[in-house]
Structure formats: C-alpha cells, structure tokens
Protein backbone atom coordinates (compact mmCIF):
# COMPACT_ATOMS: atom_id res chain seq x y z
CA UNK A 1 68.01 0.72 32.71
CA UNK A 2 64.81 0.92 33.85
CA UNK A 3 62.22 2.05 30.67
CA UNK A 4 60.30 4.12 33.40
CA UNK A 5 63.06 6.79 33.97
CA UNK A 6 63.31 9.18 30.69
CA UNK A 7 66.63 8.72 28.48
CA UNK A 8 67.67 12.22 29.19
CA UNK A 9 67.01 12.62 32.95
CA UNK A 10 69.00 9.46 33.37
CA UNK A 11 71.70 10.72 31.49
CA UNK A 12 72.33 13.81 33.53
CA UNK A 13 71.55 11.58 37.07
CA UNK A 14 74.37 9.22 35.82
CA UNK A 15 76.85 12.14 34.92
CA UNK A 16 75.91 13.96 38.73
CA UNK A 17 76.90 10.76 40.30
CA UNK A 18 79.89 9.60 38.29
CA UNK A 19 81.24 13.09 39.15
CA UNK A 20 80.11 12.62 42.47
CA UNK A 21 81.88 9.50 42.59
CA UNK A 22 78.62 7.13 43.98
CA UNK A 23 79.05 5.12 41.18
CA UNK A 24 75.67 2.77 39.74
CA UNK A 25 72.99 2.16 41.96
CA UNK A 26 72.05 -1.30 40.07
CA UNK A 27 75.33 -3.09 40.88
CA UNK A 28 74.98 -3.12 44.65
CA UNK A 29 77.20 -1.15 46.75
CA UNK A 30 79.13 1.36 44.99
CA UNK A 31 83.01 2.47 45.44
CA UNK A 32 83.54 5.71 47.06
CA UNK A 33 86.30 7.74 45.40
CA UNK A 34 88.45 9.90 47.30
CA UNK A 35 87.98 13.86 47.10
CA UNK A 36 91.35 13.58 44.84
CA UNK A 37 89.82 11.45 42.25
CA UNK A 38 86.54 13.51 42.22
CA UNK A 39 88.69 16.64 41.84
CA UNK A 40 90.21 15.29 39.09
CA UNK A 41 87.39 13.62 37.32
CA UNK A 42 85.69 17.25 37.59
CA UNK A 43 88.84 18.34 36.18
CA UNK A 44 88.88 16.21 33.08
CA UNK A 45 85.60 17.23 32.40
CA UNK A 46 85.86 21.19 32.64
CA UNK A 47 89.04 20.56 30.35
CA UNK A 48 86.91 18.44 27.41
CA UNK A 49 84.27 20.72 27.67
CA UNK A 50 86.92 23.84 26.93
CA UNK A 51 88.86 22.08 24.56
CA UNK A 52 85.40 20.87 22.59
CA UNK A 53 83.30 24.21 23.13
CA UNK A 54 85.35 25.72 20.07
CA UNK A 55 83.80 23.31 17.36
CA UNK A 56 80.04 24.63 18.60
CA UNK A 57 81.05 28.14 18.69
CA UNK A 58 83.21 29.10 15.78
CA UNK A 59 83.23 28.60 12.05
CA UNK A 60 86.47 27.58 11.41
CA UNK A 61 86.27 28.11 7.59
CA UNK A 62 85.63 31.97 7.85
CA UNK A 63 87.65 34.50 9.83
CA UNK A 64 86.56 37.66 12.15
CA UNK A 65 88.05 40.78 11.68
CA UNK A 66 87.96 43.66 13.92
CA UNK A 67 85.66 46.60 12.79
CA UNK A 68 87.75 49.47 13.95
CA UNK A 69 91.14 48.51 12.55
CA UNK A 70 91.07 47.47 8.80
CA UNK A 71 92.27 44.34 7.91
CA UNK A 72 93.17 43.08 11.40
CA UNK A 73 92.26 39.20 12.12
CA UNK A 74 90.70 38.29 15.69
CA UNK A 75 90.33 34.23 14.95
CA UNK A 76 87.77 32.75 13.39
CA UNK A 77 84.08 33.34 12.94
CA UNK A 78 81.47 32.64 15.92
CA UNK A 79 78.37 31.13 14.60
CA UNK A 80 75.60 33.75 14.07
CA UNK A 81 73.52 32.66 16.96
CA UNK A 82 76.26 33.39 19.70
CA UNK A 83 75.37 35.73 21.98
CA UNK A 84 77.66 38.70 22.87
CA UNK A 85 80.42 37.72 20.27
CA UNK A 86 78.69 40.12 17.20
CA UNK A 87 79.27 43.67 18.12
CA UNK A 88 76.63 45.53 15.79
CA UNK A 89 74.37 43.72 13.51
CA UNK A 90 73.80 46.37 11.62
CA UNK A 91 77.26 47.45 10.35
CA UNK A 92 77.16 47.91 6.37
CA UNK A 93 78.32 44.79 4.67
CA UNK A 94 77.49 42.04 7.40
CA UNK A 95 77.94 42.40 11.47
CA UNK A 96 80.93 43.16 13.13
CA UNK A 97 83.16 41.74 15.71
CA UNK A 98 85.66 43.04 18.65
CA UNK A 99 88.37 41.81 20.00
CA UNK A 100 86.90 42.09 23.42
CA UNK A 101 83.88 39.57 22.56
CA UNK A 102 83.50 36.74 25.32
CA UNK A 103 84.41 33.97 22.91
CA UNK A 104 87.79 35.74 21.55
CA UNK A 105 88.51 36.53 25.27
CA UNK A 106 88.09 33.18 26.74
CA UNK A 107 90.27 31.12 23.47
CA UNK A 108 92.70 33.97 23.04
CA UNK A 109 94.89 31.38 22.81
CA UNK A 110 93.13 29.05 19.97
CA UNK A 111 92.61 32.48 17.95
CA UNK A 112 96.06 33.28 17.85
CA UNK A 113 97.26 30.24 16.91
CA UNK A 114 94.25 29.92 14.08
CA UNK A 115 95.57 33.62 12.90
CA UNK A 116 99.17 32.66 12.95
CA UNK A 117 98.39 29.38 10.95
CA UNK A 118 96.37 31.00 7.98
CA UNK A 119 99.44 33.79 7.97
CA UNK A 120 96.93 36.61 8.98
CA UNK A 121 97.34 40.22 10.24
CA UNK A 122 96.83 40.55 13.96
CA UNK A 123 96.52 43.39 16.48
CA UNK A 124 99.45 41.53 19.12
C-alpha cells in the first residue's frame, strides 16, 4: 500500500475496484470478470448489507409498540438516532412508533419473527 494514500479513500477505491471486477493495480494486469461475476458480487454485497444493517438499526433488547393500538408489538425498537423510525418524540411516556415507518417495512420478516419468538401480540 502506498503510504501517501489515506487509508479511508484507499479502502473505498479498492472496494469499488473489487465490485467492478478490476482487481488490484499493484499485481500487474488484473483478471477481467464477466458481467455475471460482477452481478454476483454486487448481489452478495447488497445481501450482506441487508442482513447486517439491522444490527446497527435495531435495539433487540427492547420492543417497539404501536402508538394507536394498546399492547400491539411491531418489532425490535429502533435506536433513537435512526431517522424516520419514531412517529412522535413528544408522546407522554417516551417516543411512539408506527408500523409504516421504514425500518419496520424494510425488515418486516425480521420484525414478525422477533415478535413470534418473544411471544408478543402483533397486528398481522
């Protein structure tokens, strides 16, 4: 690795090269990947991000409940700083949630499994 490059930009540049299938520039001529191999790499990275993102977005130790239905669970509680996850910050007793917020829609299967494993009542 060239010491004049910043490590952050180097990592992003190498990730983009890897996704595009161009290999590394310091090993001579890189092997060319077919369109199928590049599409498979992109699919694997997208699937990996989809599977790992809930660890950053949700707090699995607490449960989010619907604001308009008493005792109806939606799924794991999103962290406080997740934009668009909380319906109303000024709700008495803390923030409230709606099942149409983007984290609950994008990861609907995860939320349903979470509620079933915990034995919570859901609206589905």
